[in-house]
PDB file of N, CA and C in Angstrom:
ATOM      1  N   MET A   1      57.788 -84.498 224.660  1.00  0.00           N
ATOM      2  CA  MET A   1      59.218 -84.353 224.754  1.00  0.00           C
ATOM      3  C   MET A   1      59.873 -84.409 223.365  1.00  0.00           C
ATOM      4  N   LEU A   2      59.518 -85.404 222.578  1.00  0.00           N
ATOM      5  CA  LEU A   2      60.075 -85.544 221.226  1.00  0.00           C
ATOM      6  C   LEU A   2      59.147 -84.970 220.158  1.00  0.00           C
ATOM      7  N   GLU A   3      58.075 -84.344 220.600  1.00  0.00           N
ATOM      8  CA  GLU A   3      57.080 -83.831 219.656  1.00  0.00           C
ATOM      9  C   GLU A   3      57.703 -82.862 218.653  1.00  0.00           C
ATOM     10  N   ALA A   4      58.606 -82.011 219.109  1.00  0.00           N
ATOM     11  CA  ALA A   4      59.233 -81.031 218.220  1.00  0.00           C
ATOM     12  C   ALA A   4      60.066 -81.713 217.138  1.00  0.00           C
ATOM     13  N   ILE A   5      60.711 -82.817 217.479  1.00  0.00           N
ATOM     14  CA  ILE A   5      61.548 -83.535 216.513  1.00  0.00           C
ATOM     15  C   ILE A   5      60.688 -84.360 215.563  1.00  0.00           C
ATOM     16  N   LEU A   6      59.713 -85.070 216.121  1.00  0.00           N
ATOM     17  CA  LEU A   6      58.899 -85.991 215.325  1.00  0.00           C
ATOM     18  C   LEU A   6      57.736 -85.307 214.610  1.00  0.00           C
ATOM     19  N   GLY A   7      57.332 -84.136 215.095  1.00  0.00           N
ATOM     20  CA  GLY A   7      56.252 -83.407 214.453  1.00  0.00           C
ATOM     21  C   GLY A   7      54.866 -83.774 214.943  1.00  0.00           C
ATOM     22  N   SER A   8      54.767 -84.719 215.877  1.00  0.00           N
ATOM     23  CA  SER A   8      53.459 -85.151 216.357  1.00  0.00           C
ATOM     24  C   SER A   8      53.598 -85.836 217.709  1.00  0.00           C
ATOM     25  N   ILE A   9      52.728 -85.479 218.631  1.00  0.00           N
ATOM     26  CA  ILE A   9      52.723 -86.143 219.935  1.00  0.00           C
ATOM     27  C   ILE A   9      52.284 -87.596 219.778  1.00  0.00           C
ATOM     28  N   SER A  10      51.431 -87.865 218.793  1.00  0.00           N
ATOM     29  CA  SER A  10      50.976 -89.243 218.560  1.00  0.00           C
ATOM     30  C   SER A  10      52.134 -90.131 218.117  1.00  0.00           C
ATOM     31  N   LYS A  11      53.011 -89.610 217.270  1.00  0.00           N
ATOM     32  CA  LYS A  11      54.186 -90.384 216.843  1.00  0.00           C
ATOM     33  C   LYS A  11      55.069 -90.705 218.036  1.00  0.00           C
ATOM     34  N   GLU A  12      55.265 -89.710 218.891  1.00  0.00           N
ATOM     35  CA  GLU A  12      56.082 -89.941 220.086  1.00  0.00           C
ATOM     36  C   GLU A  12      55.463 -91.038 220.944  1.00  0.00           C
ATOM     37  N   ARG A  13      54.170 -90.956 221.170  1.00  0.00           N
ATOM     38  CA  ARG A  13      53.489 -91.947 222.003  1.00  0.00           C
ATOM     39  C   ARG A  13      53.591 -93.349 221.406  1.00  0.00           C
ATOM     40  N   ILE A  14      53.414 -93.442 220.110  1.00  0.00           N
ATOM     41  CA  ILE A  14      53.496 -94.745 219.437  1.00  0.00           C
ATOM     42  C   ILE A  14      54.898 -95.334 219.586  1.00  0.00           C
ATOM     43  N   LEU A  15      55.910 -94.539 219.285  1.00  0.00           N
ATOM     44  CA  LEU A  15      57.285 -95.037 219.331  1.00  0.00           C
ATOM     45  C   LEU A  15      57.710 -95.397 220.755  1.00  0.00           C
ATOM     46  N   ILE A  16      57.332 -94.580 221.724  1.00  0.00           N
ATOM     47  CA  ILE A  16      57.644 -94.885 223.129  1.00  0.00           C
ATOM     48  C   ILE A  16      56.957 -96.179 223.535  1.00  0.00           C
ATOM     49  N   TYR A  17      55.698 -96.334 223.142  1.00  0.00           N
ATOM     50  CA  TYR A  17      54.940 -97.541 223.485  1.00  0.00           C
ATOM     51  C   TYR A  17      55.592 -98.778 222.867  1.00  0.00           C
ATOM     52  N   LEU A  18      55.899 -98.719 221.577  1.00  0.00           N
ATOM     53  CA  LEU A  18      56.487 -99.873 220.900  1.00  0.00           C
ATOM     54  C   LEU A  18      57.894-100.166 221.414  1.00  0.00           C
ATOM     55  N   TYR A  19      58.621 -99.131 221.801  1.00  0.00           N
ATOM     56  CA  TYR A  19      59.952 -99.350 222.375  1.00  0.00           C
ATOM     57  C   TYR A  19      59.848-100.076 223.719  1.00  0.00           C
ATOM     58  N   SER A  20      58.914 -99.638 224.549  1.00  0.00           N
ATOM     59  CA  SER A  20      58.838-100.203 225.896  1.00  0.00           C
ATOM     60  C   SER A  20      58.125-101.551 225.954  1.00  0.00           C
ATOM     61  N   ARG A  21      57.183-101.803 225.048  1.00  0.00           N
ATOM     62  CA  ARG A  21      56.417-103.056 225.093  1.00  0.00           C
ATOM     63  C   ARG A  21      56.713-103.998 223.930  1.00  0.00           C
ATOM     64  N   ASP A  22      57.561-103.620 223.027  1.00  0.00           N
ATOM     65  CA  ASP A  22      57.972-104.418 221.862  1.00  0.00           C
ATOM     66  C   ASP A  22      56.933-104.475 220.753  1.00  0.00           C
ATOM     67  N   LYS A  23      55.657-104.594 221.088  1.00  0.00           N
ATOM     68  CA  LYS A  23      54.617-104.607 220.050  1.00  0.00           C
ATOM     69  C   LYS A  23      53.300-104.162 220.658  1.00  0.00           C
ATOM     70  N   GLY A  24      52.374-103.795 219.780  1.00  0.00           N
ATOM     71  CA  GLY A  24      51.066-103.361 220.256  1.00  0.00           C
ATOM     72  C   GLY A  24      50.156-103.051 219.093  1.00  0.00           C
ATOM     73  N   TYR A  25      48.894-102.844 219.405  1.00  0.00           N
ATOM     74  CA  TYR A  25      47.928-102.498 218.365  1.00  0.00           C
ATOM     75  C   TYR A  25      47.321-101.138 218.676  1.00  0.00           C
ATOM     76  N   ALA A  26      46.667-100.546 217.695  1.00  0.00           N
ATOM     77  CA  ALA A  26      46.233 -99.149 217.764  1.00  0.00           C
ATOM     78  C   ALA A  26      45.362 -98.850 218.980  1.00  0.00           C
ATOM     79  N   THR A  27      44.355 -99.660 219.233  1.00  0.00           N
ATOM     80  CA  THR A  27      43.443 -99.399 220.345  1.00  0.00           C
ATOM     81  C   THR A  27      44.175 -99.456 221.677  1.00  0.00           C
ATOM     82  N   GLU A  28      45.072-100.407 221.815  1.00  0.00           N
ATOM     83  CA  GLU A  28      45.853-100.565 223.042  1.00  0.00           C
ATOM     84  C   GLU A  28      46.715 -99.321 223.297  1.00  0.00           C
ATOM     85  N   ILE A  29      47.333 -98.799 222.254  1.00  0.00           N
ATOM     86  CA  ILE A  29      48.172 -97.607 222.379  1.00  0.00           C
ATOM     87  C   ILE A  29      47.317 -96.405 222.764  1.00  0.00           C
ATOM     88  N   ALA A  30      46.181 -96.235 222.092  1.00  0.00           N
ATOM     89  CA  ALA A  30      45.289 -95.110 222.378  1.00  0.00           C
ATOM     90  C   ALA A  30      44.776 -95.165 223.816  1.00  0.00           C
ATOM     91  N   LYS A  31      44.397 -96.341 224.291  1.00  0.00           N
ATOM     92  CA  LYS A  31      43.896 -96.476 225.664  1.00  0.00           C
ATOM     93  C   LYS A  31      44.986 -96.192 226.692  1.00  0.00           C
ATOM     94  N   THR A  32      46.199 -96.601 226.417  1.00  0.00           N
ATOM     95  CA  THR A  32      47.306 -96.372 227.348  1.00  0.00           C
ATOM     96  C   THR A  32      47.527 -94.887 227.587  1.00  0.00           C
ATOM     97  N   PHE A  33      47.393 -94.082 226.536  1.00  0.00           N
ATOM     98  CA  PHE A  33      47.642 -92.647 226.642  1.00  0.00           C
ATOM     99  C   PHE A  33      46.362 -91.820 226.746  1.00  0.00           C
ATOM    100  N   ASN A  34      45.217 -92.479 226.892  1.00  0.00           N
ATOM    101  CA  ASN A  34      43.918 -91.796 226.994  1.00  0.00           C
ATOM    102  C   ASN A  34      43.726 -90.779 225.869  1.00  0.00           C
ATOM    103  N   THR A  35      43.929 -91.229 224.655  1.00  0.00           N
ATOM    104  CA  THR A  35      43.784 -90.367 223.488  1.00  0.00           C
ATOM    105  C   THR A  35      42.833 -91.030 222.502  1.00  0.00           C
ATOM    106  N   SER A  36      42.396 -90.282 221.511  1.00  0.00           N
ATOM    107  CA  SER A  36      41.482 -90.857 220.527  1.00  0.00           C
ATOM    108  C   SER A  36      42.238 -91.768 219.564  1.00  0.00           C
ATOM    109  N   LEU A  37      41.512 -92.666 218.956  1.00  0.00           N
ATOM    110  CA  LEU A  37      42.095 -93.698 218.107  1.00  0.00           C
ATOM    111  C   LEU A  37      42.547 -93.170 216.744  1.00  0.00           C
ATOM    112  N   THR A  38      41.808 -92.232 216.167  1.00  0.00           N
ATOM    113  CA  THR A  38      42.082 -91.769 214.802  1.00  0.00           C
ATOM    114  C   THR A  38      43.502 -91.230 214.608  1.00  0.00           C
ATOM    115  N   PRO A  39      43.994 -90.306 215.455  1.00  0.00           N
ATOM    116  CA  PRO A  39      45.367 -89.830 215.225  1.00  0.00           C
ATOM    117  C   PRO A  39      46.414 -90.929 215.388  1.00  0.00           C
ATOM    118  N   ILE A  40      46.156 -91.873 216.274  1.00  0.00           N
ATOM    119  CA  ILE A  40      47.085 -92.994 216.455  1.00  0.00           C
ATOM    120  C   ILE A  40      47.130 -93.828 215.178  1.00  0.00           C
ATOM    121  N   GLN A  41      45.969 -94.126 214.613  1.00  0.00           N
ATOM    122  CA  GLN A  41      45.908 -94.920 213.379  1.00  0.00           C
ATOM    123  C   GLN A  41      46.607 -94.204 212.228  1.00  0.00           C
ATOM    124  N   LYS A  42      46.395 -92.903 212.110  1.00  0.00           N
ATOM    125  CA  LYS A  42      47.022 -92.139 211.025  1.00  0.00           C
ATOM    126  C   LYS A  42      48.544 -92.137 211.159  1.00  0.00           C
ATOM    127  N   GLN A  43      49.037 -91.967 212.374  1.00  0.00           N
ATOM    128  CA  GLN A  43      50.482 -91.942 212.576  1.00  0.00           C
ATOM    129  C   GLN A  43      51.097 -93.333 212.442  1.00  0.00           C
ATOM    130  N   LEU A  44      50.369 -94.368 212.843  1.00  0.00           N
ATOM    131  CA  LEU A  44      50.849 -95.735 212.617  1.00  0.00           C
ATOM    132  C   LEU A  44      51.035 -95.983 211.125  1.00  0.00           C
ATOM    133  N   GLU A  45      50.074 -95.520 210.342  1.00  0.00           N
ATOM    134  CA  GLU A  45      50.150 -95.673 208.888  1.00  0.00           C
ATOM    135  C   GLU A  45      51.357 -94.915 208.323  1.00  0.00           C
ATOM    136  N   ALA A  46      51.576 -93.685 208.804  1.00  0.00           N
ATOM    137  CA  ALA A  46      52.704 -92.879 208.327  1.00  0.00           C
ATOM    138  C   ALA A  46      54.040 -93.514 208.719  1.00  0.00           C
ATOM    139  N   LEU A  47      54.137 -94.011 209.942  1.00  0.00           N
ATOM    140  CA  LEU A  47      55.374 -94.655 210.393  1.00  0.00           C
ATOM    141  C   LEU A  47      55.635 -95.950 209.634  1.00  0.00           C
ATOM    142  N   GLU A  48      54.571 -96.654 209.288  1.00  0.00           N
ATOM    143  CA  GLU A  48      54.734 -97.881 208.502  1.00  0.00           C
ATOM    144  C   GLU A  48      55.179 -97.550 207.078  1.00  0.00           C
ATOM    145  N   GLN A  49      54.629 -96.498 206.494  1.00  0.00           N
ATOM    146  CA  GLN A  49      55.036 -96.076 205.149  1.00  0.00           C
ATOM    147  C   GLN A  49      56.516 -95.690 205.120  1.00  0.00           C
ATOM    148  N   ALA A  50      57.015 -95.145 206.233  1.00  0.00           N
ATOM    149  CA  ALA A  50      58.424 -94.745 206.324  1.00  0.00           C
ATOM    150  C   ALA A  50      59.332 -95.913 206.718  1.00  0.00           C
ATOM    151  N   ASN A  51      58.759 -97.099 206.888  1.00  0.00           N
ATOM    152  CA  ASN A  51      59.489 -98.319 207.276  1.00  0.00           C
ATOM    153  C   ASN A  51      60.145 -98.232 208.654  1.00  0.00           C
ATOM    154  N   ILE A  52      59.636 -97.371 209.518  1.00  0.00           N
ATOM    155  CA  ILE A  52      60.143 -97.281 210.886  1.00  0.00           C
ATOM    156  C   ILE A  52      59.513 -98.380 211.731  1.00  0.00           C
ATOM    157  N   ILE A  53      58.266 -98.709 211.413  1.00  0.00           N
ATOM    158  CA  ILE A  53      57.575 -99.810 212.084  1.00  0.00           C
ATOM    159  C   ILE A  53      57.020-100.746 211.017  1.00  0.00           C
ATOM    160  N   TYR A  54      56.612-101.924 211.430  1.00  0.00           N
ATOM    161  CA  TYR A  54      55.944-102.851 210.524  1.00  0.00           C
ATOM    162  C   TYR A  54      54.743-103.424 211.255  1.00  0.00           C
ATOM    163  N   CYS A  55      53.835-104.022 210.511  1.00  0.00           N
ATOM    164  CA  CYS A  55      52.670-104.622 211.159  1.00  0.00           C
ATOM    165  C   CYS A  55      52.462-106.042 210.658  1.00  0.00           C
ATOM    166  N   GLU A  56      51.917-106.853 211.551  1.00  0.00           N
ATOM    167  CA  GLU A  56      51.564-108.231 211.226  1.00  0.00           C
ATOM    168  C   GLU A  56      50.103-108.426 211.588  1.00  0.00           C
ATOM    169  N   PRO A  57      49.322-108.984 210.690  1.00  0.00           N
ATOM    170  CA  PRO A  57      47.938-109.276 211.071  1.00  0.00           C
ATOM    171  C   PRO A  57      47.884-110.483 212.001  1.00  0.00           C
ATOM    172  N   GLN A  58      47.140-110.342 213.079  1.00  0.00           N
ATOM    173  CA  GLN A  58      46.863-111.460 213.983  1.00  0.00           C
ATOM    174  C   GLN A  58      45.348-111.533 214.099  1.00  0.00           C
ATOM    175  N   GLY A  59      44.775-112.415 213.309  1.00  0.00           N
ATOM    176  CA  GLY A  59      43.318-112.458 213.213  1.00  0.00           C
ATOM    177  C   GLY A  59      42.845-111.207 212.504  1.00  0.00           C
ATOM    178  N   ARG A  60      41.941-110.468 213.152  1.00  0.00           N
ATOM    179  CA  ARG A  60      41.438-109.223 212.566  1.00  0.00           C
ATOM    180  C   ARG A  60      42.196-108.001 213.073  1.00  0.00           C
ATOM    181  N   THR A  61      43.208-108.211 213.884  1.00  0.00           N
ATOM    182  CA  THR A  61      43.951-107.115 214.500  1.00  0.00           C
ATOM    183  C   THR A  61      45.320-106.965 213.845  1.00  0.00           C
ATOM    184  N   LEU A  62      45.723-105.720 213.621  1.00  0.00           N
ATOM    185  CA  LEU A  62      47.066-105.435 213.115  1.00  0.00           C
ATOM    186  C   LEU A  62      47.962-105.123 214.305  1.00  0.00           C
ATOM    187  N   VAL A  63      49.005-105.909 214.483  1.00  0.00           N
ATOM    188  CA  VAL A  63      49.947-105.725 215.586  1.00  0.00           C
ATOM    189  C   VAL A  63      51.205-105.073 215.019  1.00  0.00           C
ATOM    190  N   TYR A  64      51.616-103.965 215.639  1.00  0.00           N
ATOM    191  CA  TYR A  64      52.751-103.175 215.159  1.00  0.00           C
ATOM    192  C   TYR A  64      53.972-103.385 216.043  1.00  0.00           C
ATOM    193  N   ALA A  65      55.154-103.235 215.449  1.00  0.00           N
ATOM    194  CA  ALA A  65      56.420-103.326 216.180  1.00  0.00           C
ATOM    195  C   ALA A  65      57.455-102.466 215.462  1.00  0.00           C
ATOM    196  N   LEU A  66      58.521-102.107 216.176  1.00  0.00           N
ATOM    197  CA  LEU A  66      59.617-101.372 215.546  1.00  0.00           C
ATOM    198  C   LEU A  66      60.284-102.275 214.515  1.00  0.00           C
ATOM    199  N   ASN A  67      60.643-101.704 213.383  1.00  0.00           N
ATOM    200  CA  ASN A  67      61.252-102.460 212.297  1.00  0.00           C
ATOM    201  C   ASN A  67      62.746-102.651 212.579  1.00  0.00           C
ATOM    202  N   PRO A  68      63.195-103.883 212.823  1.00  0.00           N
ATOM    203  CA  PRO A  68      64.620-104.104 213.103  1.00  0.00           C
ATOM    204  C   PRO A  68      65.517-103.821 211.899  1.00  0.00           C
ATOM    205  N   ARG A  69      64.939-103.726 210.715  1.00  0.00           N
ATOM    206  CA  ARG A  69      65.723-103.442 209.502  1.00  0.00           C
ATOM    207  C   ARG A  69      65.821-101.949 209.189  1.00  0.00           C
ATOM    208  N   TYR A  70      65.176-101.122 210.007  1.00  0.00           N
ATOM    209  CA  TYR A  70      65.269 -99.676 209.817  1.00  0.00           C
ATOM    210  C   TYR A  70      66.727 -99.262 210.032  1.00  0.00           C
ATOM    211  N   PRO A  71      67.330 -98.493 209.098  1.00  0.00           N
ATOM    212  CA  PRO A  71      68.764 -98.195 209.178  1.00  0.00           C
ATOM    213  C   PRO A  71      69.210 -97.491 210.464  1.00  0.00           C
ATOM    214  N   PHE A  72      68.330 -96.716 211.072  1.00  0.00           N
ATOM    215  CA  PHE A  72      68.698 -95.960 212.273  1.00  0.00           C
ATOM    216  C   PHE A  72      68.022 -96.505 213.524  1.00  0.00           C
ATOM    217  N   ILE A  73      67.730 -97.806 213.545  1.00  0.00           N
ATOM    218  CA  ILE A  73      66.988 -98.382 214.671  1.00  0.00           C
ATOM    219  C   ILE A  73      67.776 -98.270 215.977  1.00  0.00           C
ATOM    220  N   ALA A  74      69.078 -98.474 215.945  1.00  0.00           N
ATOM    221  CA  ALA A  74      69.888 -98.382 217.172  1.00  0.00           C
ATOM    222  C   ALA A  74      69.844 -96.964 217.738  1.00  0.00           C
ATOM    223  N   GLU A  75      69.999 -95.979 216.870  1.00  0.00           N
ATOM    224  CA  GLU A  75      69.968 -94.588 217.303  1.00  0.00           C
ATOM    225  C   GLU A  75      68.578 -94.198 217.789  1.00  0.00           C
ATOM    226  N   LEU A  76      67.548 -94.681 217.099  1.00  0.00           N
ATOM    227  CA  LEU A  76      66.169 -94.394 217.499  1.00  0.00           C
ATOM    228  C   LEU A  76      65.878 -94.977 218.879  1.00  0.00           C
ATOM    229  N   LYS A  77      66.325 -96.194 219.125  1.00  0.00           N
ATOM    230  CA  LYS A  77      66.100 -96.823 220.434  1.00  0.00           C
ATOM    231  C   LYS A  77      66.814 -96.061 221.548  1.00  0.00           C
ATOM    232  N   LEU A  78      68.022 -95.577 221.276  1.00  0.00           N
ATOM    233  CA  LEU A  78      68.736 -94.777 222.278  1.00  0.00           C
ATOM    234  C   LEU A  78      67.980 -93.486 222.585  1.00  0.00           C
ATOM    235  N   LEU A  79      67.467 -92.845 221.552  1.00  0.00           N
ATOM    236  CA  LEU A  79      66.694 -91.619 221.730  1.00  0.00           C
ATOM    237  C   LEU A  79      65.419 -91.889 222.528  1.00  0.00           C
ATOM    238  N   LEU A  80      64.727 -92.970 222.204  1.00  0.00           N
ATOM    239  CA  LEU A  80      63.496 -93.319 222.912  1.00  0.00           C
ATOM    240  C   LEU A  80      63.785 -93.699 224.363  1.00  0.00           C
ATOM    241  N   GLN A  81      64.890 -94.391 224.591  1.00  0.00           N
ATOM    242  CA  GLN A  81      65.277 -94.753 225.957  1.00  0.00           C
ATOM    243  C   GLN A  81      65.515 -93.496 226.790  1.00  0.00           C
ATOM    244  N   LYS A  82      66.207 -92.535 226.215  1.00  0.00           N
ATOM    245  CA  LYS A  82      66.485 -91.277 226.917  1.00  0.00           C
ATOM    246  C   LYS A  82      65.188 -90.513 227.171  1.00  0.00           C
ATOM    247  N   ALA A  83      64.316 -90.451 226.182  1.00  0.00           N
ATOM    248  CA  ALA A  83      63.038 -89.748 226.345  1.00  0.00           C
ATOM    249  C   ALA A  83      62.188 -90.415 227.418  1.00  0.00           C
ATOM    250  N   LEU A  84      62.161 -91.733 227.431  1.00  0.00           N
ATOM    251  CA  LEU A  84      61.373 -92.473 228.418  1.00  0.00           C
ATOM    252  C   LEU A  84      61.866 -92.201 229.837  1.00  0.00           C
ATOM    253  N   SER A  85      63.152 -91.969 229.992  1.00  0.00           N
ATOM    254  CA  SER A  85      63.701 -91.699 231.327  1.00  0.00           C
ATOM    255  C   SER A  85      63.189 -90.378 231.902  1.00  0.00           C
ATOM    256  N   PHE A  86      62.680 -89.480 231.064  1.00  0.00           N
ATOM    257  CA  PHE A  86      62.142 -88.204 231.527  1.00  0.00           C
ATOM    258  C   PHE A  86      60.635 -88.255 231.779  1.00  0.00           C
ATOM    259  N   TYR A  87      59.996 -89.367 231.475  1.00  0.00           N
ATOM    260  CA  TYR A  87      58.568 -89.521 231.756  1.00  0.00           C
ATOM    261  C   TYR A  87      58.380 -89.666 233.264  1.00  0.00           C
ATOM    262  N   PRO A  88      57.215 -89.283 233.793  1.00  0.00           N
ATOM    263  CA  PRO A  88      56.944 -89.493 235.224  1.00  0.00           C
ATOM    264  C   PRO A  88      57.027 -90.980 235.576  1.00  0.00           C
ATOM    265  N   ALA A  89      57.385 -91.268 236.813  1.00  0.00           N
ATOM    266  CA  ALA A  89      57.602 -92.654 237.253  1.00  0.00           C
ATOM    267  C   ALA A  89      56.380 -93.538 237.023  1.00  0.00           C
ATOM    268  N   GLU A  90      55.179 -93.020 237.306  1.00  0.00           N
ATOM    269  CA  GLU A  90      53.980 -93.851 237.123  1.00  0.00           C
ATOM    270  C   GLU A  90      53.718 -94.151 235.649  1.00  0.00           C
ATOM    271  N   GLN A  91      54.049 -93.210 234.773  1.00  0.00           N
ATOM    272  CA  GLN A  91      53.898 -93.436 233.330  1.00  0.00           C
ATOM    273  C   GLN A  91      54.917 -94.476 232.857  1.00  0.00           C
ATOM    274  N   GLN A  92      56.143 -94.396 233.357  1.00  0.00           N
ATOM    275  CA  GLN A  92      57.171 -95.386 233.007  1.00  0.00           C
ATOM    276  C   GLN A  92      56.747 -96.776 233.450  1.00  0.00           C
ATOM    277  N   GLU A  93      56.217 -96.863 234.662  1.00  0.00           N
ATOM    278  CA  GLU A  93      55.782 -98.157 235.190  1.00  0.00           C
ATOM    279  C   GLU A  93      54.649 -98.735 234.350  1.00  0.00           C
ATOM    280  N   LEU A  94      53.711 -97.884 233.963  1.00  0.00           N
ATOM    281  CA  LEU A  94      52.594 -98.322 233.124  1.00  0.00           C
ATOM    282  C   LEU A  94      53.089 -98.833 231.777  1.00  0.00           C
ATOM    283  N   LEU A  95      54.056 -98.134 231.195  1.00  0.00           N
ATOM    284  CA  LEU A  95      54.574 -98.531 229.890  1.00  0.00           C
ATOM    285  C   LEU A  95      55.416 -99.801 229.958  1.00  0.00           C
ATOM    286  N   MET A  96      56.119-100.000 231.051  1.00  0.00           N
ATOM    287  CA  MET A  96      56.994-101.166 231.160  1.00  0.00           C
ATOM    288  C   MET A  96      56.245-102.429 231.584  1.00  0.00           C
ATOM    289  N   MET A  97      55.016-102.280 232.052  1.00  0.00           N
ATOM    290  CA  MET A  97      54.227-103.433 232.469  1.00  0.00           C
ATOM    291  C   MET A  97      53.748-104.181 231.227  1.00  0.00           C
ATOM    292  N   ASN A  98      54.198-105.400 231.048  1.00  0.00           N
ATOM    293  CA  ASN A  98      53.865-106.160 229.847  1.00  0.00           C
ATOM    294  C   ASN A  98      52.735-107.160 230.045  1.00  0.00           C
ATOM    295  N   ARG A  99      52.157-107.208 231.217  1.00  0.00           N
ATOM    296  CA  ARG A  99      51.077-108.157 231.478  1.00  0.00           C
ATOM    297  C   ARG A  99      49.850-107.757 230.662  1.00  0.00           C
ATOM    298  N   ARG A 100      49.325-108.670 229.871  1.00  0.00           N
ATOM    299  CA  ARG A 100      48.204-108.357 228.994  1.00  0.00           C
ATOM    300  C   ARG A 100      46.884-108.930 229.479  1.00  0.00           C
ATOM    301  N   ARG A 101      46.912-109.840 230.419  1.00  0.00           N
ATOM    302  CA  ARG A 101      45.663-110.351 230.968  1.00  0.00           C
ATOM    303  C   ARG A 101      45.825-110.552 232.470  1.00  0.00           C
ATOM    304  N   PRO A 102      44.720-110.605 233.172  1.00  0.00           N
ATOM    305  CA  PRO A 102      44.810-110.729 234.627  1.00  0.00           C
ATOM    306  C   PRO A 102      45.343-112.083 235.060  1.00  0.00           C
ATOM    307  N   ARG A 103      45.922-112.106 236.241  1.00  0.00           N
ATOM    308  CA  ARG A 103      46.431-113.343 236.827  1.00  0.00           C
ATOM    309  C   ARG A 103      45.260-114.265 237.138  1.00  0.00           C
ATOM    310  N   ARG A 104      45.450-115.551 236.875  1.00  0.00           N
ATOM    311  CA  ARG A 104      44.418-116.546 237.165  1.00  0.00           C
ATOM    312  C   ARG A 104      44.133-116.554 238.667  1.00  0.00           C
ATOM    313  N   GLN A 105      42.876-116.625 239.020  1.00  0.00           N
ATOM    314  CA  GLN A 105      42.483-116.647 240.421  1.00  0.00           C
ATOM    315  C   GLN A 105      43.068-117.863 241.115  1.00  0.00           C
ATOM    316  N   GLY A 106      43.671-117.645 242.279  1.00  0.00           N
ATOM    317  CA  GLY A 106      44.235-118.740 243.047  1.00  0.00           C
ATOM    318  C   GLY A 106      45.622-119.172 242.610  1.00  0.00           C
ATOM    319  N   LYS A 107      46.176-118.566 241.572  1.00  0.00           N
ATOM    320  CA  LYS A 107      47.507-118.943 241.106  1.00  0.00           C
ATOM    321  C   LYS A 107      48.539-118.473 242.130  1.00  0.00           C
ATOM    322  N   PRO A 108      49.445-119.359 242.554  1.00  0.00           N
ATOM    323  CA  PRO A 108      50.425-118.955 243.572  1.00  0.00           C
ATOM    324  C   PRO A 108      51.456-117.979 242.998  1.00  0.00           C
ATOM    325  N   LEU A 109      51.902-117.066 243.840  1.00  0.00           N
ATOM    326  CA  LEU A 109      52.942-116.117 243.446  1.00  0.00           C
ATOM    327  C   LEU A 109      54.296-116.779 243.600  1.00  0.00           C
ATOM    328  N   THR A 110      55.154-116.618 242.605  1.00  0.00           N
ATOM    329  CA  THR A 110      56.513-117.153 242.698  1.00  0.00           C
ATOM    330  C   THR A 110      57.463-115.997 242.937  1.00  0.00           C
ATOM    331  N   LEU A 111      58.365-116.184 243.842  1.00  0.00           N
ATOM    332  CA  LEU A 111      59.324-115.113 244.158  1.00  0.00           C
ATOM    333  C   LEU A 111      60.699-115.456 243.718  1.00  0.00           C
TER     334      LEU A 111
END
């Protein structure tokens, strides 16, 4: 959807992922979109060089997030929100699900 503007489908996927989940790492992003890791890593590097995203090391993993100091962050978030609304419902649900590990066995559900 934003590929024409951003110049890369990988950039679109990264930005949509980081917008919807707040942060993530390269392998997680690649697995979510069933794509190879190399283009995701290259675009993460390019987006970081442009100061659109930043990364923090957590152990041996680099965790990326949208840069709140980016001058056009508000406009970028509005654009990503609009683009996300055109994704299929199952893709939106997958992206909005923030659970990173399975529920403990026997844990009661709270309503």
